[in-house]
Amino acid sequence: MSDRLKSTHNVSNEEVIDDLTKDLRRTLSSGDGDDFVGDPGCGEEHVQRTSGDAAKESLSDDIPLSDDDLDKHSKGESDSEDSDISSMDEESLRESEMELTDDQKEQRRIIAEELKTAGNNAFKDAEYEKSIDKYTEALFMCPLQFSQLRSILYSNRSAAKMKLEKYKKAIEDCTKSIELDDKYVKAYYRRAQCYEATEKLDECLADYNKILELDPSHKEAQNATLRLPPLIEARNEKLKAEMLGKLKNLGNMILKPFGLSTENFQLEPDAESKGYKINFKQ
């Protein structure tokens, strides 16, 4: 902790958070944030614990889903411009936490909750890059043992990335969120939306099916499981036609020196093998 805060009484939580995370913000802005680990002893005497009920309530502080989280028809992709730290070395985080006491871990959880709230407020104000930075800071601060909170942070960060059309990065965050909480419906739903935006319809349908396992009353998932199969079938038929067209062109090139073409060969369905048989026609 800085000497200024050590010598000051009645310091607010906001000042403690600002003091503890100033190095992290500097690191994030310089692009070297992967190795950041906060000082495990910082803020011990100033951070007040929340009650058990308050802590439980704050864990549900997820960004609500909305119909306009992304434009389902938008194919924009700006993941290459992603400036936040999307991946972090959890092994390094785990090693850094080995010397922490339970009280210090609890203090870090409280700070992560404050950063999550700051991220949520930035999201509501449509400051999506800022919200991403806040959720990332919170993930660096939050001890690994608080898996539910970390799951929410990843999911919330994915929502901000969706607003910026960073769908691939959002998928990564949703996947991490699901790894931490495999019953987190919002994370599956957000990932399904991103899969559809990037035309990964099979993966999209799989997530909607999983949502219905967890919540059979989920209307969007119900509609999607009816809407997507015909789209997948039409896509597969289109791909099959394109593949056969390319094979036909290749076959004509090979057969041309012999005075033949693929028109001399006809494919007919074979009921026994459930495949095709080739008939030669002069």
C-alpha atoms as a PDB file:
ATOM      1  CA  MET A   1       0.000   0.000   0.000  1.00  0.00           C
ATOM      2  CA  SER A   2       1.212   3.522  -0.725  1.00  0.00           C
ATOM      3  CA  ASP A   3       2.697   5.627   2.089  1.00  0.00           C
ATOM      4  CA  ARG A   4      -0.070   8.174   1.532  1.00  0.00           C
ATOM      5  CA  LEU A   5      -2.802   5.732   2.473  1.00  0.00           C
ATOM      6  CA  LYS A   6      -0.820   4.256   5.362  1.00  0.00           C
ATOM      7  CA  SER A   7      -0.654   7.675   6.942  1.00  0.00           C
ATOM      8  CA  THR A   8      -4.291   8.536   6.286  1.00  0.00           C
ATOM      9  CA  HIS A   9      -7.227   7.531   8.458  1.00  0.00           C
ATOM     10  CA  ASN A  10     -10.827   6.877   7.384  1.00  0.00           C
ATOM     11  CA  VAL A  11      -9.852   5.842   3.873  1.00  0.00           C
ATOM     12  CA  SER A  12     -12.781   4.838   1.670  1.00  0.00           C
ATOM     13  CA  ASN A  13     -13.038   1.536  -0.211  1.00  0.00           C
ATOM     14  CA  GLU A  14     -12.854   3.430  -3.493  1.00  0.00           C
ATOM     15  CA  GLU A  15      -9.502   4.946  -2.516  1.00  0.00           C
ATOM     16  CA  VAL A  16      -8.173   1.537  -1.476  1.00  0.00           C
ATOM     17  CA  ILE A  17      -9.261  -0.002  -4.792  1.00  0.00           C
ATOM     18  CA  ASP A  18      -7.706   2.853  -6.730  1.00  0.00           C
ATOM     19  CA  ASP A  19      -4.453   2.432  -4.813  1.00  0.00           C
ATOM     20  CA  LEU A  20      -4.357  -1.346  -5.233  1.00  0.00           C
ATOM     21  CA  THR A  21      -5.161  -1.356  -8.926  1.00  0.00           C
ATOM     22  CA  LYS A  22      -3.159   1.632 -10.163  1.00  0.00           C
ATOM     23  CA  ASP A  23      -0.230  -0.601 -11.118  1.00  0.00           C
ATOM     24  CA  LEU A  24      -2.593  -2.973 -12.886  1.00  0.00           C
ATOM     25  CA  ARG A  25      -4.157  -0.137 -14.882  1.00  0.00           C
ATOM     26  CA  ARG A  26      -0.707   1.065 -15.866  1.00  0.00           C
ATOM     27  CA  THR A  27       0.208  -2.467 -16.901  1.00  0.00           C
ATOM     28  CA  LEU A  28      -2.988  -2.926 -18.907  1.00  0.00           C
ATOM     29  CA  SER A  29      -2.476   0.327 -20.759  1.00  0.00           C
ATOM     30  CA  SER A  30       1.073  -0.677 -21.688  1.00  0.00           C
ATOM     31  CA  GLY A  31       0.009  -4.125 -22.911  1.00  0.00           C
ATOM     32  CA  ASP A  32       2.207  -6.031 -20.431  1.00  0.00           C
ATOM     33  CA  GLY A  33      -0.522  -7.166 -18.053  1.00  0.00           C
ATOM     34  CA  ASP A  34      -0.176 -10.961 -18.347  1.00  0.00           C
ATOM     35  CA  ASP A  35       2.320 -11.162 -15.504  1.00  0.00           C
ATOM     36  CA  PHE A  36       0.519  -8.850 -13.094  1.00  0.00           C
ATOM     37  CA  VAL A  37      -0.278 -10.158  -9.642  1.00  0.00           C
ATOM     38  CA  GLY A  38      -1.446  -7.748  -6.948  1.00  0.00           C
ATOM     39  CA  ASP A  39       0.389  -7.380  -3.662  1.00  0.00           C
ATOM     40  CA  PRO A  40      -1.257  -9.994  -1.393  1.00  0.00           C
ATOM     41  CA  GLY A  41      -0.813  -7.821   1.686  1.00  0.00           C
ATOM     42  CA  CYS A  42      -2.250  -4.600   0.292  1.00  0.00           C
ATOM     43  CA  GLY A  43      -5.295  -3.004   1.855  1.00  0.00           C
ATOM     44  CA  GLU A  44      -5.575  -5.412   4.761  1.00  0.00           C
ATOM     45  CA  GLU A  45      -6.322  -2.794   7.384  1.00  0.00           C
ATOM     46  CA  HIS A  46      -8.666  -0.668   5.296  1.00  0.00           C
ATOM     47  CA  VAL A  47     -11.020  -3.016   3.405  1.00  0.00           C
ATOM     48  CA  GLN A  48     -14.218  -3.793   5.321  1.00  0.00           C
ATOM     49  CA  ARG A  49     -15.834  -7.196   4.892  1.00  0.00           C
ATOM     50  CA  THR A  50     -19.330  -7.488   3.540  1.00  0.00           C
ATOM     51  CA  SER A  51     -21.882  -9.653   5.288  1.00  0.00           C
ATOM     52  CA  GLY A  52     -22.602 -13.174   4.029  1.00  0.00           C
ATOM     53  CA  ASP A  53     -25.953 -12.108   2.620  1.00  0.00           C
ATOM     54  CA  ALA A  54     -24.451  -9.133   0.798  1.00  0.00           C
ATOM     55  CA  ALA A  55     -21.725 -11.281  -0.699  1.00  0.00           C
ATOM     56  CA  LYS A  56     -24.244 -13.828  -1.884  1.00  0.00           C
ATOM     57  CA  GLU A  57     -26.427 -11.124  -3.412  1.00  0.00           C
ATOM     58  CA  SER A  58     -23.520  -9.532  -5.283  1.00  0.00           C
ATOM     59  CA  LEU A  59     -22.669 -12.836  -6.956  1.00  0.00           C
ATOM     60  CA  SER A  60     -25.903 -12.612  -8.887  1.00  0.00           C
ATOM     61  CA  ASP A  61     -24.948  -9.172 -10.197  1.00  0.00           C
ATOM     62  CA  ASP A  62     -24.687 -10.296 -13.784  1.00  0.00           C
ATOM     63  CA  ILE A  63     -25.421  -8.111 -16.806  1.00  0.00           C
ATOM     64  CA  PRO A  64     -29.024  -8.882 -17.814  1.00  0.00           C
ATOM     65  CA  LEU A  65     -29.581 -10.413 -21.204  1.00  0.00           C
ATOM     66  CA  SER A  66     -31.186  -8.267 -23.870  1.00  0.00           C
ATOM     67  CA  ASP A  67     -32.434  -8.914 -27.381  1.00  0.00           C
ATOM     68  CA  ASP A  68     -29.949  -6.426 -28.814  1.00  0.00           C
ATOM     69  CA  ASP A  69     -26.798  -7.887 -27.263  1.00  0.00           C
ATOM     70  CA  LEU A  70     -25.695  -8.407 -30.837  1.00  0.00           C
ATOM     71  CA  ASP A  71     -27.044  -8.002 -34.320  1.00  0.00           C
ATOM     72  CA  LYS A  72     -27.712 -11.564 -35.363  1.00  0.00           C
ATOM     73  CA  HIS A  73     -27.328 -10.599 -39.003  1.00  0.00           C
ATOM     74  CA  SER A  74     -24.047  -8.777 -38.492  1.00  0.00           C
ATOM     75  CA  LYS A  75     -20.994 -10.554 -39.784  1.00  0.00           C
ATOM     76  CA  GLY A  76     -18.574  -7.912 -38.544  1.00  0.00           C
ATOM     77  CA  GLU A  77     -15.468  -9.253 -36.827  1.00  0.00           C
ATOM     78  CA  SER A  78     -13.005  -7.045 -35.033  1.00  0.00           C
ATOM     79  CA  ASP A  79     -11.330  -9.595 -32.764  1.00  0.00           C
ATOM     80  CA  SER A  80      -7.948  -8.722 -34.239  1.00  0.00           C
ATOM     81  CA  GLU A  81      -8.316  -5.287 -32.643  1.00  0.00           C
ATOM     82  CA  ASP A  82      -8.980  -6.678 -29.182  1.00  0.00           C
ATOM     83  CA  SER A  83      -6.907  -4.654 -26.733  1.00  0.00           C
ATOM     84  CA  ASP A  84      -7.793  -6.285 -23.442  1.00  0.00           C
ATOM     85  CA  ILE A  85      -5.979  -9.219 -21.890  1.00  0.00           C
ATOM     86  CA  SER A  86      -8.280 -12.088 -22.811  1.00  0.00           C
ATOM     87  CA  SER A  87      -6.140 -14.866 -21.407  1.00  0.00           C
ATOM     88  CA  MET A  88      -4.358 -15.100 -18.125  1.00  0.00           C
ATOM     89  CA  ASP A  89      -1.940 -17.598 -16.687  1.00  0.00           C
ATOM     90  CA  GLU A  90      -4.025 -19.251 -13.985  1.00  0.00           C
ATOM     91  CA  GLU A  91      -1.042 -21.303 -12.868  1.00  0.00           C
ATOM     92  CA  SER A  92       0.795 -18.075 -12.049  1.00  0.00           C
ATOM     93  CA  LEU A  93      -2.270 -16.779 -10.242  1.00  0.00           C
ATOM     94  CA  ARG A  94      -2.497 -20.013  -8.284  1.00  0.00           C
ATOM     95  CA  GLU A  95       1.144 -19.782  -7.246  1.00  0.00           C
ATOM     96  CA  SER A  96       0.723 -16.151  -6.200  1.00  0.00           C
ATOM     97  CA  GLU A  97      -2.185 -17.115  -3.929  1.00  0.00           C
ATOM     98  CA  MET A  98      -0.354 -19.869  -2.076  1.00  0.00           C
ATOM     99  CA  GLU A  99       0.956 -17.475   0.568  1.00  0.00           C
ATOM    100  CA  LEU A 100      -2.329 -15.609   1.015  1.00  0.00           C
ATOM    101  CA  THR A 101      -4.331 -15.980   4.205  1.00  0.00           C
ATOM    102  CA  ASP A 102      -8.080 -16.533   4.114  1.00  0.00           C
ATOM    103  CA  ASP A 103      -8.584 -12.917   5.181  1.00  0.00           C
ATOM    104  CA  GLN A 104      -6.413 -11.638   2.343  1.00  0.00           C
ATOM    105  CA  LYS A 105      -8.309 -13.774  -0.170  1.00  0.00           C
ATOM    106  CA  GLU A 106     -11.578 -12.394   1.163  1.00  0.00           C
ATOM    107  CA  GLN A 107     -10.241  -8.854   0.779  1.00  0.00           C
ATOM    108  CA  ARG A 108      -9.350  -9.586  -2.826  1.00  0.00           C
ATOM    109  CA  ARG A 109     -12.828 -10.970  -3.434  1.00  0.00           C
ATOM    110  CA  ILE A 110     -14.350  -7.738  -2.108  1.00  0.00           C
ATOM    111  CA  ILE A 111     -12.147  -5.665  -4.403  1.00  0.00           C
ATOM    112  CA  ALA A 112     -13.085  -7.906  -7.351  1.00  0.00           C
ATOM    113  CA  GLU A 113     -16.763  -7.311  -6.527  1.00  0.00           C
ATOM    114  CA  GLU A 114     -16.164  -3.543  -6.559  1.00  0.00           C
ATOM    115  CA  LEU A 115     -14.402  -3.804  -9.928  1.00  0.00           C
ATOM    116  CA  LYS A 116     -17.257  -5.915 -11.276  1.00  0.00           C
ATOM    117  CA  THR A 117     -19.724  -3.214 -10.240  1.00  0.00           C
ATOM    118  CA  ALA A 118     -17.559  -0.619 -11.990  1.00  0.00           C
ATOM    119  CA  GLY A 119     -17.570  -2.822 -15.090  1.00  0.00           C
ATOM    120  CA  ASN A 120     -21.352  -3.187 -14.960  1.00  0.00           C
ATOM    121  CA  ASN A 121     -21.793   0.576 -14.653  1.00  0.00           C
ATOM    122  CA  ALA A 122     -19.488   1.169 -17.622  1.00  0.00           C
ATOM    123  CA  PHE A 123     -21.478  -1.393 -19.606  1.00  0.00           C
ATOM    124  CA  LYS A 124     -24.737   0.391 -18.812  1.00  0.00           C
ATOM    125  CA  ASP A 125     -23.161   3.628 -20.029  1.00  0.00           C
ATOM    126  CA  ALA A 126     -22.151   1.883 -23.289  1.00  0.00           C
ATOM    127  CA  GLU A 127     -18.458   2.252 -22.373  1.00  0.00           C
ATOM    128  CA  TYR A 128     -17.698  -1.294 -23.456  1.00  0.00           C
ATOM    129  CA  GLU A 129     -13.910  -1.059 -23.671  1.00  0.00           C
ATOM    130  CA  LYS A 130     -13.809   0.367 -20.159  1.00  0.00           C
ATOM    131  CA  SER A 131     -16.097  -2.375 -18.877  1.00  0.00           C
ATOM    132  CA  ILE A 132     -13.819  -5.008 -20.426  1.00  0.00           C
ATOM    133  CA  ASP A 133     -10.831  -3.473 -18.613  1.00  0.00           C
ATOM    134  CA  LYS A 134     -12.694  -3.487 -15.292  1.00  0.00           C
ATOM    135  CA  TYR A 135     -13.757  -7.114 -15.624  1.00  0.00           C
ATOM    136  CA  THR A 136     -10.182  -8.043 -16.564  1.00  0.00           C
ATOM    137  CA  GLU A 137      -8.809  -6.246 -13.498  1.00  0.00           C
ATOM    138  CA  ALA A 138     -11.359  -8.082 -11.382  1.00  0.00           C
ATOM    139  CA  LEU A 139     -10.288 -11.445 -12.818  1.00  0.00           C
ATOM    140  CA  PHE A 140      -6.673 -10.717 -11.897  1.00  0.00           C
ATOM    141  CA  MET A 141      -7.729  -9.712  -8.405  1.00  0.00           C
ATOM    142  CA  CYS A 142     -10.294 -12.456  -7.671  1.00  0.00           C
ATOM    143  CA  PRO A 143      -8.804 -15.599  -6.072  1.00  0.00           C
ATOM    144  CA  LEU A 144      -9.330 -18.766  -8.079  1.00  0.00           C
ATOM    145  CA  GLN A 145     -11.340 -20.401  -5.303  1.00  0.00           C
ATOM    146  CA  PHE A 146     -14.268 -18.033  -5.964  1.00  0.00           C
ATOM    147  CA  SER A 147     -15.237 -19.859  -9.129  1.00  0.00           C
ATOM    148  CA  GLN A 148     -18.821 -18.568  -9.291  1.00  0.00           C
ATOM    149  CA  LEU A 149     -17.720 -14.943  -9.182  1.00  0.00           C
ATOM    150  CA  ARG A 150     -15.035 -15.608 -11.799  1.00  0.00           C
ATOM    151  CA  SER A 151     -17.633 -17.307 -13.990  1.00  0.00           C
ATOM    152  CA  ILE A 152     -19.839 -14.213 -13.834  1.00  0.00           C
ATOM    153  CA  LEU A 153     -16.884 -11.957 -14.634  1.00  0.00           C
ATOM    154  CA  TYR A 154     -16.037 -13.960 -17.749  1.00  0.00           C
ATOM    155  CA  SER A 155     -19.672 -13.975 -18.854  1.00  0.00           C
ATOM    156  CA  ASN A 156     -20.072 -10.235 -18.260  1.00  0.00           C
ATOM    157  CA  ARG A 157     -16.880  -9.547 -20.199  1.00  0.00           C
ATOM    158  CA  SER A 158     -18.209 -11.642 -23.074  1.00  0.00           C
ATOM    159  CA  ALA A 159     -21.332  -9.452 -23.186  1.00  0.00           C
ATOM    160  CA  ALA A 160     -19.174  -6.345 -23.603  1.00  0.00           C
ATOM    161  CA  LYS A 161     -17.168  -8.013 -26.357  1.00  0.00           C
ATOM    162  CA  MET A 162     -20.378  -8.980 -28.125  1.00  0.00           C
ATOM    163  CA  LYS A 163     -21.357  -5.308 -28.215  1.00  0.00           C
ATOM    164  CA  LEU A 164     -18.045  -4.617 -29.960  1.00  0.00           C
ATOM    165  CA  GLU A 165     -18.624  -7.556 -32.359  1.00  0.00           C
ATOM    166  CA  LYS A 166     -15.584  -9.366 -30.960  1.00  0.00           C
ATOM    167  CA  TYR A 167     -17.436 -12.644 -31.229  1.00  0.00           C
ATOM    168  CA  LYS A 168     -14.469 -15.023 -31.190  1.00  0.00           C
ATOM    169  CA  LYS A 169     -13.119 -13.440 -28.026  1.00  0.00           C
ATOM    170  CA  ALA A 170     -16.602 -13.497 -26.520  1.00  0.00           C
ATOM    171  CA  ILE A 171     -16.849 -17.221 -27.280  1.00  0.00           C
ATOM    172  CA  GLU A 172     -13.579 -17.781 -25.429  1.00  0.00           C
ATOM    173  CA  ASP A 173     -14.911 -15.939 -22.367  1.00  0.00           C
ATOM    174  CA  CYS A 174     -18.229 -17.805 -22.447  1.00  0.00           C
ATOM    175  CA  THR A 175     -16.381 -21.110 -22.678  1.00  0.00           C
ATOM    176  CA  LYS A 176     -14.256 -20.198 -19.670  1.00  0.00           C
ATOM    177  CA  SER A 177     -17.363 -19.133 -17.787  1.00  0.00           C
ATOM    178  CA  ILE A 178     -18.992 -22.494 -18.527  1.00  0.00           C
ATOM    179  CA  GLU A 179     -15.878 -24.373 -17.420  1.00  0.00           C
ATOM    180  CA  LEU A 180     -16.244 -22.686 -14.040  1.00  0.00           C
ATOM    181  CA  ASP A 181     -20.025 -23.167 -13.850  1.00  0.00           C
ATOM    182  CA  ASP A 182     -21.428 -25.743 -16.275  1.00  0.00           C
ATOM    183  CA  LYS A 183     -25.016 -24.848 -15.333  1.00  0.00           C
ATOM    184  CA  TYR A 184     -24.719 -21.149 -16.156  1.00  0.00           C
ATOM    185  CA  VAL A 185     -27.529 -20.637 -18.681  1.00  0.00           C
ATOM    186  CA  LYS A 186     -26.586 -17.050 -19.580  1.00  0.00           C
ATOM    187  CA  ALA A 187     -23.090 -18.118 -20.621  1.00  0.00           C
ATOM    188  CA  TYR A 188     -24.504 -20.839 -22.902  1.00  0.00           C
ATOM    189  CA  TYR A 189     -26.998 -18.363 -24.373  1.00  0.00           C
ATOM    190  CA  ARG A 190     -24.384 -15.714 -25.071  1.00  0.00           C
ATOM    191  CA  ARG A 191     -22.088 -18.280 -26.642  1.00  0.00           C
ATOM    192  CA  ALA A 192     -24.942 -19.584 -28.795  1.00  0.00           C
ATOM    193  CA  GLN A 193     -25.586 -16.048 -30.034  1.00  0.00           C
ATOM    194  CA  CYS A 194     -21.916 -15.628 -30.895  1.00  0.00           C
ATOM    195  CA  TYR A 195     -21.800 -18.989 -32.672  1.00  0.00           C
ATOM    196  CA  GLU A 196     -24.743 -17.966 -34.823  1.00  0.00           C
ATOM    197  CA  ALA A 197     -23.173 -14.579 -35.576  1.00  0.00           C
ATOM    198  CA  THR A 198     -20.055 -16.396 -36.818  1.00  0.00           C
ATOM    199  CA  GLU A 199     -22.155 -18.976 -38.751  1.00  0.00           C
ATOM    200  CA  LYS A 200     -21.172 -21.912 -36.526  1.00  0.00           C
ATOM    201  CA  LEU A 201     -24.680 -23.293 -36.572  1.00  0.00           C
ATOM    202  CA  ASP A 202     -23.929 -26.808 -35.300  1.00  0.00           C
ATOM    203  CA  GLU A 203     -22.203 -25.455 -32.194  1.00  0.00           C
ATOM    204  CA  CYS A 204     -25.006 -22.931 -31.793  1.00  0.00           C
ATOM    205  CA  LEU A 205     -27.674 -25.640 -31.841  1.00  0.00           C
ATOM    206  CA  ALA A 206     -25.698 -27.742 -29.358  1.00  0.00           C
ATOM    207  CA  ASP A 207     -25.651 -24.846 -26.879  1.00  0.00           C
ATOM    208  CA  TYR A 208     -29.384 -24.242 -27.274  1.00  0.00           C
ATOM    209  CA  ASN A 209     -30.041 -27.939 -26.655  1.00  0.00           C
ATOM    210  CA  LYS A 210     -27.921 -27.716 -23.511  1.00  0.00           C
ATOM    211  CA  ILE A 211     -29.911 -24.684 -22.367  1.00  0.00           C
ATOM    212  CA  LEU A 212     -33.144 -26.676 -22.694  1.00  0.00           C
ATOM    213  CA  GLU A 213     -31.621 -29.427 -20.543  1.00  0.00           C
ATOM    214  CA  LEU A 214     -30.994 -26.843 -17.833  1.00  0.00           C
ATOM    215  CA  ASP A 215     -34.126 -24.751 -18.402  1.00  0.00           C
ATOM    216  CA  PRO A 216     -36.862 -26.420 -20.505  1.00  0.00           C
ATOM    217  CA  SER A 217     -38.926 -23.204 -20.415  1.00  0.00           C
ATOM    218  CA  HIS A 218     -36.266 -21.077 -22.142  1.00  0.00           C
ATOM    219  CA  LYS A 219     -38.223 -19.511 -25.025  1.00  0.00           C
ATOM    220  CA  GLU A 220     -35.263 -18.446 -27.168  1.00  0.00           C
ATOM    221  CA  ALA A 221     -33.762 -21.908 -26.963  1.00  0.00           C
ATOM    222  CA  GLN A 222     -37.105 -23.513 -27.826  1.00  0.00           C
ATOM    223  CA  ASN A 223     -37.415 -21.346 -30.914  1.00  0.00           C
ATOM    224  CA  ALA A 224     -33.813 -21.904 -31.925  1.00  0.00           C
ATOM    225  CA  THR A 225     -34.094 -25.698 -31.820  1.00  0.00           C
ATOM    226  CA  LEU A 226     -36.943 -25.411 -34.332  1.00  0.00           C
ATOM    227  CA  ARG A 227     -35.353 -22.685 -36.433  1.00  0.00           C
ATOM    228  CA  LEU A 228     -31.780 -23.953 -36.775  1.00  0.00           C
ATOM    229  CA  PRO A 229     -32.118 -27.559 -38.116  1.00  0.00           C
ATOM    230  CA  PRO A 230     -33.543 -26.441 -41.515  1.00  0.00           C
ATOM    231  CA  LEU A 231     -30.771 -23.845 -41.794  1.00  0.00           C
ATOM    232  CA  ILE A 232     -28.129 -26.448 -41.029  1.00  0.00           C
ATOM    233  CA  GLU A 233     -29.630 -28.857 -43.576  1.00  0.00           C
ATOM    234  CA  ALA A 234     -29.746 -26.135 -46.259  1.00  0.00           C
ATOM    235  CA  ARG A 235     -26.143 -25.200 -45.527  1.00  0.00           C
ATOM    236  CA  ASN A 236     -25.039 -28.818 -45.742  1.00  0.00           C
ATOM    237  CA  GLU A 237     -26.825 -29.281 -49.056  1.00  0.00           C
ATOM    238  CA  LYS A 238     -25.151 -26.168 -50.402  1.00  0.00           C
ATOM    239  CA  LEU A 239     -21.732 -27.378 -49.280  1.00  0.00           C
ATOM    240  CA  LYS A 240     -22.377 -30.795 -50.808  1.00  0.00           C
ATOM    241  CA  ALA A 241     -23.385 -29.209 -54.123  1.00  0.00           C
ATOM    242  CA  GLU A 242     -20.267 -27.039 -54.123  1.00  0.00           C
ATOM    243  CA  MET A 243     -18.059 -30.042 -53.374  1.00  0.00           C
ATOM    244  CA  LEU A 244     -19.643 -32.139 -56.129  1.00  0.00           C
ATOM    245  CA  GLY A 245     -19.217 -29.239 -58.542  1.00  0.00           C
ATOM    246  CA  LYS A 246     -15.509 -29.042 -57.797  1.00  0.00           C
ATOM    247  CA  LEU A 247     -15.129 -32.802 -58.124  1.00  0.00           C
ATOM    248  CA  LYS A 248     -16.976 -32.699 -61.440  1.00  0.00           C
ATOM    249  CA  ASN A 249     -14.633 -30.032 -62.795  1.00  0.00           C
ATOM    250  CA  LEU A 250     -11.628 -32.040 -61.663  1.00  0.00           C
ATOM    251  CA  GLY A 251     -13.052 -35.208 -63.203  1.00  0.00           C
ATOM    252  CA  ASN A 252     -13.642 -33.474 -66.539  1.00  0.00           C
ATOM    253  CA  MET A 253     -10.007 -32.352 -66.606  1.00  0.00           C
ATOM    254  CA  ILE A 254      -8.817 -35.919 -66.039  1.00  0.00           C
ATOM    255  CA  LEU A 255     -11.268 -37.539 -68.479  1.00  0.00           C
ATOM    256  CA  LYS A 256     -10.922 -35.025 -71.310  1.00  0.00           C
ATOM    257  CA  PRO A 257      -7.797 -36.659 -72.877  1.00  0.00           C
ATOM    258  CA  PHE A 258      -9.794 -39.904 -73.192  1.00  0.00           C
ATOM    259  CA  GLY A 259     -12.732 -38.232 -74.922  1.00  0.00           C
ATOM    260  CA  LEU A 260     -14.908 -38.635 -71.853  1.00  0.00           C
ATOM    261  CA  SER A 261     -16.505 -36.413 -69.258  1.00  0.00           C
ATOM    262  CA  THR A 262     -18.322 -36.849 -66.024  1.00  0.00           C
ATOM    263  CA  GLU A 263     -21.537 -36.872 -68.042  1.00  0.00           C
ATOM    264  CA  ASN A 264     -20.604 -40.453 -68.997  1.00  0.00           C
ATOM    265  CA  PHE A 265     -20.934 -41.449 -65.353  1.00  0.00           C
ATOM    266  CA  GLN A 266     -24.163 -41.284 -63.441  1.00  0.00           C
ATOM    267  CA  LEU A 267     -24.543 -41.496 -59.675  1.00  0.00           C
ATOM    268  CA  GLU A 268     -27.599 -43.365 -58.468  1.00  0.00           C
ATOM    269  CA  PRO A 269     -28.638 -43.948 -54.855  1.00  0.00           C
ATOM    270  CA  ASP A 270     -27.975 -47.486 -53.636  1.00  0.00           C
ATOM    271  CA  ALA A 271     -30.637 -48.591 -51.171  1.00  0.00           C
ATOM    272  CA  GLU A 272     -28.576 -51.512 -49.873  1.00  0.00           C
ATOM    273  CA  SER A 273     -25.402 -49.609 -49.068  1.00  0.00           C
ATOM    274  CA  LYS A 274     -27.229 -46.331 -48.396  1.00  0.00           C
ATOM    275  CA  GLY A 275     -24.614 -44.711 -50.603  1.00  0.00           C
ATOM    276  CA  TYR A 276     -24.280 -44.279 -54.362  1.00  0.00           C
ATOM    277  CA  LYS A 277     -23.399 -46.531 -57.285  1.00  0.00           C
ATOM    278  CA  ILE A 278     -21.792 -45.350 -60.492  1.00  0.00           C
ATOM    279  CA  ASN A 279     -23.266 -46.284 -63.891  1.00  0.00           C
ATOM    280  CA  PHE A 280     -21.248 -45.765 -67.075  1.00  0.00           C
ATOM    281  CA  LYS A 281     -23.127 -44.281 -70.050  1.00  0.00           C
ATOM    282  CA  GLN A 282     -21.448 -44.064 -73.486  1.00  0.00           C
END
